[in-house]
């Protein structure tokens, strides 16, 4: 079954549809892969193998992804009957009562859920090393991070455990792990997918749900499956012209693309591999007929943005823990949390409503300044995904708290602004370091233009096929 697990999700679905592989055999192959390689990367923190095997025999024959195995990120993405960890011991004993809208949509499409994937505690940093579940290791080199917060999902896909896994992104948590693990990671437009019925929004609208995959066509097809609003959702993304799967291979036309290889704030680390990745991508896009010139929104250089962003996140995470305290009948004490989150919760609890609204007002002004750049003649922005090359485990550590917080903030410098604006952004695996570790580049479109990102990403993929050496053996 090695050939089967090396296929993308669309290829796996075709193998089931033609009878080459049964749904049960598809699930068994993924289970065998978990047992063979997950000891090395620690991507899967909850396994539901018996349930998955039972469910594989009860999928309608016309489901488009009948029998294709999938893993769910262990924050958000509620799956009925399963435990919920969010990378923390504070959720011990919590079990999920019903599927979230997106999980229900995946099941209707025929996907079989094998388990839940590792995240940093409360998904608040860019490496997946929670004290509660242990570190997730990059399948390309176990000494390195798989990124965060969707690190478990990205490691599982890169290791060939599953073709696709779910993810979410409040500051780069789809795109950063995709970059570090050599995957395609698209953060959708705010409101493209629903967080219901458990939440109306996450982190004040900063966080959205999506997937990590090995191919552009899988990313498009999966977003088609999970897109849509539900009653009570506070946001609705602009309607797409049609299914995203139909945009794969479509001609994007000649586009005007601005690019930046060195962050305009000037105070961030900049690795030569990162600059090389952007320069290489700019050259590739130019060779494909696009007009590629240096350029970026001036607001990207705003030194106050990280502080306002941090205020919104701290207040929202503190409020989430107050809700958990009410649910479990006792407060969340500071000593139950890792130092990073203890500091965040203390800050969130201490701030006033006017502190929060002041930060929100500043963020609203910043997002207008950012988004206006796309009305001035540019179609896309090309940037690094992460301003540093893949980093080792321990590079971000509570044992080195303040420098680590600064490193984490710097690591999200290119990604978090587009959580604020709500624009779609995609990381593509276009570069490798001399040691063979992946380095991604990011393309950002105007709000609602996932169709344009899929057209360009598939054009790039056709011109320079992405390498997927089944990392992890």
Protein backbone atom coordinates (compact mmCIF):
# COMPACT_ATOMS: atom_id res chain seq x y z
CA UNK A 1 0.00 0.00 0.00
CA UNK A 2 3.00 2.35 -0.16
CA UNK A 3 1.86 3.52 -3.58
CA UNK A 4 -1.60 4.33 -2.20
CA UNK A 5 -0.36 6.42 0.74
CA UNK A 6 1.91 8.37 -1.60
CA UNK A 7 -1.12 9.60 -3.59
CA UNK A 8 -2.81 12.89 -2.85
CA UNK A 9 -6.40 12.81 -1.57
CA UNK A 10 -7.91 13.10 -5.05
CA UNK A 11 -5.71 10.20 -6.18
CA UNK A 12 -6.71 8.13 -3.16
CA UNK A 13 -10.38 8.84 -3.81
CA UNK A 14 -9.95 7.70 -7.42
CA UNK A 15 -8.29 4.47 -6.25
CA UNK A 16 -11.29 3.74 -4.03
CA UNK A 17 -13.79 4.73 -6.72
CA UNK A 18 -12.24 2.35 -9.26
CA UNK A 19 -12.12 -0.50 -6.77
CA UNK A 20 -8.32 -0.69 -6.69
CA UNK A 21 -8.54 -0.13 -2.93
CA UNK A 22 -11.51 -0.56 -0.60
CA UNK A 23 -12.38 2.10 2.00
CA UNK A 24 -11.31 -0.29 4.75
CA UNK A 25 -7.99 -0.97 3.02
CA UNK A 26 -7.44 2.79 2.68
CA UNK A 27 -7.96 3.26 6.40
CA UNK A 28 -5.79 0.25 7.23
CA UNK A 29 -2.97 1.67 5.12
CA UNK A 30 -3.05 4.98 7.00
CA UNK A 31 -3.17 3.18 10.35
CA UNK A 32 -0.15 1.12 9.35
CA UNK A 33 1.65 4.30 8.35
CA UNK A 34 0.90 5.91 11.72
CA UNK A 35 2.23 2.87 13.53
CA UNK A 36 5.36 2.83 11.35
CA UNK A 37 6.41 6.49 11.49
CA UNK A 38 4.53 8.43 14.15
CA UNK A 39 6.88 7.29 16.87
CA UNK A 40 9.47 9.42 15.11
CA UNK A 41 7.42 12.59 14.63
CA UNK A 42 4.70 12.47 17.34
CA UNK A 43 2.02 14.02 15.16
CA UNK A 44 -1.07 12.08 16.31
CA UNK A 45 -2.13 12.60 19.93
CA UNK A 46 -5.49 10.80 19.81
CA UNK A 47 -6.13 7.68 17.78
CA UNK A 48 -9.61 6.40 16.95
CA UNK A 49 -8.70 3.41 14.83
CA UNK A 50 -11.58 1.10 15.80
CA UNK A 51 -14.16 3.78 15.08
CA UNK A 52 -12.48 4.66 11.79
CA UNK A 53 -12.51 1.05 10.59
CA UNK A 54 -16.18 0.74 11.50
CA UNK A 55 -17.05 4.01 9.76
CA UNK A 56 -15.17 2.98 6.60
CA UNK A 57 -17.80 0.36 5.91
CA UNK A 58 -20.71 2.77 6.10
CA UNK A 59 -19.97 5.51 3.56
CA UNK A 60 -22.31 6.22 0.64
CA UNK A 61 -20.85 5.02 -2.66
CA UNK A 62 -21.30 8.44 -4.26
CA UNK A 63 -19.35 10.38 -1.61
CA UNK A 64 -16.55 12.13 -3.55
CA UNK A 65 -13.81 11.24 -1.01
CA UNK A 66 -15.20 7.90 0.05
CA UNK A 67 -12.80 6.14 2.43
CA UNK A 68 -10.01 8.73 2.25
CA UNK A 69 -8.33 8.98 5.67
CA UNK A 70 -7.93 12.38 7.34
CA UNK A 71 -6.63 13.74 10.65
CA UNK A 72 -8.10 16.66 12.60
CA UNK A 73 -6.17 19.36 14.39
CA UNK A 74 -6.72 19.04 18.14
CA UNK A 75 -8.06 22.56 18.63
CA UNK A 76 -11.29 23.61 16.99
CA UNK A 77 -12.39 20.92 14.51
CA UNK A 78 -14.72 19.24 17.04
CA UNK A 79 -15.41 15.56 16.35
CA UNK A 80 -18.25 13.90 18.24
CA UNK A 81 -17.26 11.45 20.96
CA UNK A 82 -13.55 12.27 20.89
CA UNK A 83 -11.43 13.87 23.62
CA UNK A 84 -10.35 17.48 23.21
CA UNK A 85 -6.84 18.46 24.20
CA UNK A 86 -5.83 21.82 22.68
CA UNK A 87 -2.27 20.91 23.67
CA UNK A 88 -3.04 21.32 27.37
CA UNK A 89 -3.87 19.33 30.49
CA UNK A 90 -6.59 21.82 31.42
CA UNK A 91 -8.97 20.01 29.07
CA UNK A 92 -8.50 16.59 30.69
CA UNK A 93 -11.85 14.82 30.77
CA UNK A 94 -13.47 17.05 28.13
CA UNK A 95 -15.18 15.09 25.38
CA UNK A 96 -16.78 16.52 22.27
CA UNK A 97 -20.56 16.27 22.03
CA UNK A 98 -21.16 16.93 18.34
CA UNK A 99 -19.28 17.53 15.12
CA UNK A 100 -18.49 21.06 14.12
CA UNK A 101 -19.93 22.16 10.78
CA UNK A 102 -16.64 21.63 8.97
CA UNK A 103 -16.10 18.15 10.40
CA UNK A 104 -19.64 17.19 9.46
CA UNK A 105 -18.94 18.42 5.92
CA UNK A 106 -15.80 16.26 5.74
CA UNK A 107 -17.74 13.20 6.84
CA UNK A 108 -20.47 13.86 4.27
CA UNK A 109 -17.77 14.03 1.61
CA UNK A 110 -16.63 10.53 2.62
CA UNK A 111 -13.50 11.27 4.66
CA UNK A 112 -12.72 8.93 7.55
CA UNK A 113 -11.30 10.54 10.67
CA UNK A 114 -8.33 8.60 12.10
CA UNK A 115 -7.56 10.84 15.04
CA UNK A 116 -6.45 14.25 16.24
CA UNK A 117 -3.09 15.98 15.79
CA UNK A 118 -0.70 17.71 18.16
CA UNK A 119 -0.73 21.47 18.79
CA UNK A 120 1.19 23.82 21.09
CA UNK A 121 -0.73 24.59 24.26
CA UNK A 122 -3.76 26.70 23.27
CA UNK A 123 -2.23 27.11 19.77
CA UNK A 124 -0.41 30.27 20.82
CA UNK A 125 3.04 29.84 19.27
CA UNK A 126 4.81 28.83 16.08
CA UNK A 127 6.29 25.52 17.25
CA UNK A 128 4.46 22.41 18.44
CA UNK A 129 6.15 21.40 21.69
CA UNK A 130 3.42 21.16 24.35
CA UNK A 131 4.35 19.89 27.79
CA UNK A 132 1.14 17.84 27.84
CA UNK A 133 1.85 15.79 24.70
CA UNK A 134 5.52 16.27 23.87
CA UNK A 135 7.12 17.82 20.79
CA UNK A 136 6.14 17.13 17.22
CA UNK A 137 9.27 16.58 15.15
CA UNK A 138 9.80 17.65 11.58
CA UNK A 139 9.74 14.52 9.39
CA UNK A 140 12.62 15.90 7.33
CA UNK A 141 14.87 16.07 10.40
CA UNK A 142 13.61 15.11 13.88
CA UNK A 143 15.86 17.70 15.52
CA UNK A 144 13.77 20.44 13.89
CA UNK A 145 10.35 21.91 14.55
CA UNK A 146 7.34 21.12 12.37
CA UNK A 147 6.06 24.62 13.08
CA UNK A 148 2.90 25.66 14.82
CA UNK A 149 0.26 25.73 15.66
CA UNK A 150 -0.83 23.16 13.06
CA UNK A 151 2.46 21.31 13.49
CA UNK A 152 0.98 17.89 14.10
CA UNK A 153 -1.18 18.10 11.00
CA UNK A 154 1.69 19.30 8.83
CA UNK A 155 4.06 16.61 10.11
CA UNK A 156 1.46 13.92 9.46
CA UNK A 157 0.97 15.00 5.84
CA UNK A 158 4.70 15.43 5.20
CA UNK A 159 5.37 11.98 6.67
CA UNK A 160 2.81 10.38 4.34
CA UNK A 161 0.47 9.34 7.14
CA UNK A 162 -2.45 11.05 5.41
CA UNK A 163 -2.73 13.08 2.23
CA UNK A 164 -4.55 15.95 3.95
CA UNK A 165 -5.11 17.12 7.50
CA UNK A 166 -7.13 19.96 8.93
CA UNK A 167 -5.53 23.11 10.29
CA UNK A 168 -6.34 26.60 11.50
CA UNK A 169 -4.58 29.93 11.26
CA UNK A 170 -4.73 32.84 13.70
CA UNK A 171 -1.31 34.31 12.93
CA UNK A 172 0.28 31.93 10.45
CA UNK A 173 -0.63 28.54 11.89
CA UNK A 174 -1.47 26.98 8.53
CA UNK A 175 1.22 28.70 6.50
CA UNK A 176 4.17 28.43 8.89
CA UNK A 177 3.93 24.62 9.37
CA UNK A 178 3.34 24.26 5.63
CA UNK A 179 6.55 26.17 4.99
CA UNK A 180 8.60 24.13 7.47
CA UNK A 181 7.20 20.79 6.29
CA UNK A 182 7.24 21.39 2.53
CA UNK A 183 3.47 21.57 2.00
CA UNK A 184 0.75 23.68 0.44
CA UNK A 185 -1.01 25.75 3.09
CA UNK A 186 -3.83 28.15 2.21
CA UNK A 187 -5.36 30.48 4.80
CA UNK A 188 -8.83 31.25 3.44
CA UNK A 189 -10.59 34.60 3.46
CA UNK A 190 -12.25 35.40 6.77
CA UNK A 191 -15.77 33.96 6.68
CA UNK A 192 -15.04 31.42 3.94
CA UNK A 193 -15.48 28.57 6.44
CA UNK A 194 -17.73 28.38 9.50
CA UNK A 195 -16.57 27.77 13.07
CA UNK A 196 -20.11 26.83 14.15
CA UNK A 197 -21.83 25.66 16.11
CA UNK A 198 -19.24 25.94 18.87
CA UNK A 199 -17.99 29.42 18.00
CA UNK A 200 -18.98 32.43 15.94
CA UNK A 201 -15.40 33.65 15.64
CA UNK A 202 -11.98 32.82 17.05
CA UNK A 203 -9.49 35.36 18.38
CA UNK A 204 -11.80 38.20 17.40
CA UNK A 205 -11.92 37.09 13.77
CA UNK A 206 -8.17 36.61 13.39
CA UNK A 207 -8.35 32.81 13.18
CA UNK A 208 -9.83 30.77 10.33
CA UNK A 209 -9.89 27.09 9.44
CA UNK A 210 -8.35 25.34 6.44
CA UNK A 211 -6.12 22.40 5.55
CA UNK A 212 -2.53 21.41 4.79
CA UNK A 213 -1.92 19.26 1.71
CA UNK A 214 0.76 18.08 -0.69
CA UNK A 215 -0.91 19.39 -3.87
CA UNK A 216 -2.75 22.50 -4.98
CA UNK A 217 -5.64 20.48 -6.34
CA UNK A 218 -6.21 18.90 -2.93
CA UNK A 219 -6.19 22.31 -1.28
CA UNK A 220 -8.79 23.55 -3.76
CA UNK A 221 -11.00 20.48 -3.45
CA UNK A 222 -10.89 20.42 0.35
CA UNK A 223 -11.76 24.09 0.60
CA UNK A 224 -14.74 23.42 -1.65
CA UNK A 225 -15.85 20.74 0.83
CA UNK A 226 -15.61 22.86 3.97
CA UNK A 227 -16.59 26.29 2.61
CA UNK A 228 -19.89 27.86 3.54
CA UNK A 229 -21.61 29.81 6.26
CA UNK A 230 -23.98 28.67 8.97
CA UNK A 231 -26.77 30.50 10.82
CA UNK A 232 -25.31 33.04 13.21
CA UNK A 233 -21.89 33.37 11.57
CA UNK A 234 -20.65 36.97 11.95
CA UNK A 235 -18.75 37.06 8.65
CA UNK A 236 -19.35 35.95 5.08
CA UNK A 237 -16.56 35.92 2.51
CA UNK A 238 -17.22 37.32 -0.98
CA UNK A 239 -18.74 34.64 -3.20
CA UNK A 240 -16.34 32.74 -5.45
CA UNK A 241 -17.09 32.57 -9.19
CA UNK A 242 -17.32 28.78 -8.98
CA UNK A 243 -15.78 25.75 -7.29
CA UNK A 244 -12.09 26.20 -6.53
CA UNK A 245 -11.38 22.77 -8.00
CA UNK A 246 -12.31 24.29 -11.36
CA UNK A 247 -9.62 26.96 -10.96
CA UNK A 248 -6.78 24.41 -10.94
CA UNK A 249 -4.97 24.81 -14.24
CA UNK A 250 -7.03 27.84 -15.30
CA UNK A 251 -5.09 30.69 -16.89
CA UNK A 252 -4.57 33.48 -14.33
CA UNK A 253 -3.72 35.97 -17.07
CA UNK A 254 -0.82 38.39 -16.82
CA UNK A 255 -0.67 39.59 -13.23
CA UNK A 256 1.11 42.44 -11.53
CA UNK A 257 2.91 41.01 -8.51
CA UNK A 258 4.82 42.97 -5.89
CA UNK A 259 7.48 41.23 -3.85
CA UNK A 260 9.54 41.81 -0.73
CA UNK A 261 12.43 39.61 0.42
CA UNK A 262 13.59 41.65 3.44
CA UNK A 263 10.97 42.74 5.96
CA UNK A 264 10.46 46.52 5.80
CA UNK A 265 10.48 46.86 9.59
CA UNK A 266 14.23 46.31 9.41
CA UNK A 267 14.54 44.77 12.88
CA UNK A 268 13.82 41.15 11.99
CA UNK A 269 16.19 38.26 11.30
CA UNK A 270 16.64 37.45 7.65
CA UNK A 271 18.10 34.15 6.54
CA UNK A 272 19.85 33.91 3.14
CA UNK A 273 17.77 30.83 2.28
CA UNK A 274 14.62 32.87 2.79
CA UNK A 275 15.76 35.67 0.50
CA UNK A 276 16.85 33.07 -2.06
CA UNK A 277 13.41 31.43 -1.91
CA UNK A 278 11.64 34.71 -2.68
CA UNK A 279 14.10 35.69 -5.41
CA UNK A 280 13.71 32.27 -6.99
CA UNK A 281 9.91 32.48 -6.83
CA UNK A 282 9.92 35.99 -8.32
CA UNK A 283 12.04 34.75 -11.22
CA UNK A 284 9.73 31.80 -11.78
CA UNK A 285 6.65 34.01 -11.80
CA UNK A 286 8.34 36.38 -14.25
CA UNK A 287 9.20 33.45 -16.52
CA UNK A 288 5.50 32.52 -16.48
CA UNK A 289 4.65 35.89 -17.98
CA UNK A 290 3.80 37.96 -14.93
CA UNK A 291 4.95 41.50 -14.20
CA UNK A 292 6.99 41.10 -10.99
CA UNK A 293 8.42 44.21 -9.33
CA UNK A 294 9.56 45.18 -5.82
CA UNK A 295 6.64 46.53 -3.84
CA UNK A 296 4.60 46.03 -0.70
CA UNK A 297 2.01 47.80 1.47
CA UNK A 298 3.64 50.55 3.53
CA UNK A 299 1.64 49.35 6.53
CA UNK A 300 3.68 46.15 6.58
CA UNK A 301 6.41 48.23 8.27
CA UNK A 302 4.13 49.35 11.14
CA UNK A 303 6.12 48.68 14.34
CA UNK A 304 2.98 49.01 16.50
CA UNK A 305 1.07 46.21 14.77
CA UNK A 306 2.54 43.33 16.86
CA UNK A 307 1.50 45.03 20.11
CA UNK A 308 -2.10 45.56 19.01
CA UNK A 309 -2.28 42.04 17.59
CA UNK A 310 -0.98 40.62 20.88
CA UNK A 311 -3.60 42.56 22.84
CA UNK A 312 -6.43 41.03 20.82
CA UNK A 313 -5.05 37.51 21.16
CA UNK A 314 -4.39 37.79 24.91
CA UNK A 315 -7.89 39.09 25.62
CA UNK A 316 -9.55 36.41 23.51
CA UNK A 317 -7.53 33.53 24.97
CA UNK A 318 -8.28 34.77 28.50
CA UNK A 319 -11.99 34.87 27.64
CA UNK A 320 -11.83 31.34 26.22
CA UNK A 321 -10.39 30.07 29.50
CA UNK A 322 -13.12 31.83 31.46
CA UNK A 323 -15.63 29.89 29.36
CA UNK A 324 -13.75 26.65 30.04
CA UNK A 325 -13.78 27.43 33.78
CA UNK A 326 -17.54 27.79 33.68
CA UNK A 327 -17.87 24.52 31.75
CA UNK A 328 -15.71 22.49 34.13
CA UNK A 329 -16.93 24.21 37.28
CA UNK A 330 -13.59 25.54 38.54
CA UNK A 331 -11.22 28.29 37.41
CA UNK A 332 -8.13 27.75 35.33
CA UNK A 333 -5.25 28.47 37.69
CA UNK A 334 -2.00 30.02 36.41
CA UNK A 335 0.07 27.00 37.48
CA UNK A 336 -2.01 24.78 35.16
CA UNK A 337 -0.59 26.61 32.15
CA UNK A 338 2.80 26.78 30.48
CA UNK A 339 4.70 30.01 31.32
CA UNK A 340 4.00 31.56 27.90
CA UNK A 341 0.27 31.17 28.31
CA UNK A 342 0.35 32.07 31.99
CA UNK A 343 1.82 35.43 31.01
CA UNK A 344 -0.73 35.83 28.22
CA UNK A 345 -3.70 35.03 30.44
CA UNK A 346 -2.53 37.37 33.17
CA UNK A 347 -2.26 40.15 30.59
CA UNK A 348 -5.65 39.35 29.09
CA UNK A 349 -7.35 39.34 32.49
CA UNK A 350 -5.71 42.61 33.52
CA UNK A 351 -6.67 44.67 30.49
CA UNK A 352 -9.75 46.86 30.38
CA UNK A 353 -12.49 47.01 27.77
CA UNK A 354 -11.05 50.30 26.56
CA UNK A 355 -7.61 48.66 26.19
CA UNK A 356 -9.17 46.02 23.97
CA UNK A 357 -11.25 48.44 21.93
CA UNK A 358 -8.28 50.76 21.50
CA UNK A 359 -6.24 47.89 20.05
CA UNK A 360 -9.17 46.89 17.85
CA UNK A 361 -9.47 50.45 16.53
CA UNK A 362 -5.75 50.53 15.73
CA UNK A 363 -6.00 47.14 14.00
CA UNK A 364 -8.97 48.31 11.95
CA UNK A 365 -6.99 51.32 10.73
CA UNK A 366 -3.98 49.10 9.98
CA UNK A 367 -6.01 46.58 7.99
CA UNK A 368 -7.49 49.33 5.81
CA UNK A 369 -4.01 50.66 5.06
CA UNK A 370 -2.81 47.14 4.25
CA UNK A 371 -5.72 46.08 2.08
CA UNK A 372 -5.79 49.32 0.07
CA UNK A 373 -2.51 48.30 -1.60
CA UNK A 374 -4.43 45.73 -3.69
CA UNK A 375 -6.60 48.48 -5.16
CA UNK A 376 -3.58 50.32 -6.56
CA UNK A 377 -2.85 48.03 -9.48
CA UNK A 378 -1.25 45.02 -7.80
CA UNK A 379 -2.91 41.60 -7.97
CA UNK A 380 -0.66 39.63 -5.61
CA UNK A 381 2.03 40.14 -2.99
CA UNK A 382 4.95 37.69 -2.79
CA UNK A 383 6.80 37.41 0.55
CA UNK A 384 8.67 34.87 2.60
CA UNK A 385 6.33 32.74 4.68
CA UNK A 386 8.76 32.77 7.62
CA UNK A 387 11.69 35.21 7.78
CA UNK A 388 14.03 32.54 9.19
CA UNK A 389 15.04 29.14 7.86
CA UNK A 390 13.60 26.04 9.60
CA UNK A 391 14.40 26.21 13.30
CA UNK A 392 15.37 23.45 15.72
CA UNK A 393 13.24 22.19 18.57
CA UNK A 394 13.86 24.35 21.60
CA UNK A 395 14.49 27.52 19.56
CA UNK A 396 11.26 28.77 21.09
CA UNK A 397 11.16 27.68 24.72
CA UNK A 398 9.56 28.73 27.99
CA UNK A 399 12.99 28.25 29.56
CA UNK A 400 14.05 31.31 27.55
CA UNK A 401 10.73 33.11 27.72
CA UNK A 402 11.18 36.72 26.60
CA UNK A 403 13.66 36.06 23.78
CA UNK A 404 11.42 33.20 22.66
CA UNK A 405 8.37 35.45 22.59
CA UNK A 406 10.33 37.88 20.41
CA UNK A 407 11.45 35.07 18.11
CA UNK A 408 7.87 33.79 17.79
CA UNK A 409 6.59 37.26 16.96
CA UNK A 410 9.30 37.73 14.36
CA UNK A 411 8.50 34.32 12.87
CA UNK A 412 4.91 35.43 12.19
CA UNK A 413 5.82 38.87 10.86
CA UNK A 414 4.80 38.07 7.27
CA UNK A 415 1.75 35.98 8.13
CA UNK A 416 -0.11 37.66 11.02
CA UNK A 417 -0.95 40.92 9.16
CA UNK A 418 -3.20 38.95 6.82
CA UNK A 419 -5.06 37.42 9.74
CA UNK A 420 -5.88 41.01 10.62
CA UNK A 421 -6.97 41.97 7.10
CA UNK A 422 -8.77 38.66 6.55
CA UNK A 423 -7.19 38.22 3.12
CA UNK A 424 -6.41 34.79 1.65
CA UNK A 425 -2.74 33.79 1.61
CA UNK A 426 -0.98 30.62 0.53
CA UNK A 427 2.43 29.12 1.34
CA UNK A 428 4.07 27.08 -1.41
CA UNK A 429 7.13 24.78 -1.05
CA UNK A 430 9.56 26.26 -3.57
CA UNK A 431 12.95 26.06 -1.88
CA UNK A 432 15.20 23.77 0.17
CA UNK A 433 18.15 24.57 2.36
CA UNK A 434 21.51 22.90 1.74
CA UNK A 435 20.49 20.41 4.44
CA UNK A 436 17.29 19.58 2.52
CA UNK A 437 14.85 21.35 4.84
CA UNK A 438 11.86 23.03 3.15
CA UNK A 439 11.41 26.80 2.88
CA UNK A 440 8.07 28.19 1.70
CA UNK A 441 7.06 31.44 0.04
CA UNK A 442 3.76 33.25 0.55
CA UNK A 443 1.39 34.74 -2.01
CA UNK A 444 -1.37 37.07 -0.80
CA UNK A 445 -4.46 38.10 -2.77
CA UNK A 446 -7.24 40.60 -2.17
CA UNK A 447 -10.12 39.50 0.05
CA UNK A 448 -12.23 36.79 -1.55
CA UNK A 449 -9.71 35.92 -4.27
CA UNK A 450 -8.81 32.36 -3.37
CA UNK A 451 -9.64 31.61 -6.99
CA UNK A 452 -6.70 33.72 -8.14
CA UNK A 453 -4.35 32.10 -5.61
CA UNK A 454 -5.36 28.61 -6.79
CA UNK A 455 -4.84 29.56 -10.45
CA UNK A 456 -1.36 30.95 -9.83
CA UNK A 457 -0.37 28.22 -7.36
CA UNK A 458 -1.33 25.50 -9.83
CA UNK A 459 0.56 27.32 -12.58
CA UNK A 460 3.65 27.37 -10.35
CA UNK A 461 3.18 23.72 -9.39
CA UNK A 462 3.00 22.71 -13.05
CA UNK A 463 6.15 24.67 -13.88
CA UNK A 464 8.09 23.47 -10.84
CA UNK A 465 6.48 20.33 -9.37
CA UNK A 466 6.67 20.22 -5.60
CA UNK A 467 8.96 17.58 -4.11
CA UNK A 468 7.40 15.20 -1.60
CA UNK A 469 9.94 12.52 -0.70
CA UNK A 470 7.64 10.94 1.94
CA UNK A 471 9.66 12.54 4.71
CA UNK A 472 10.14 10.35 7.72
CA UNK A 473 10.78 7.08 5.90
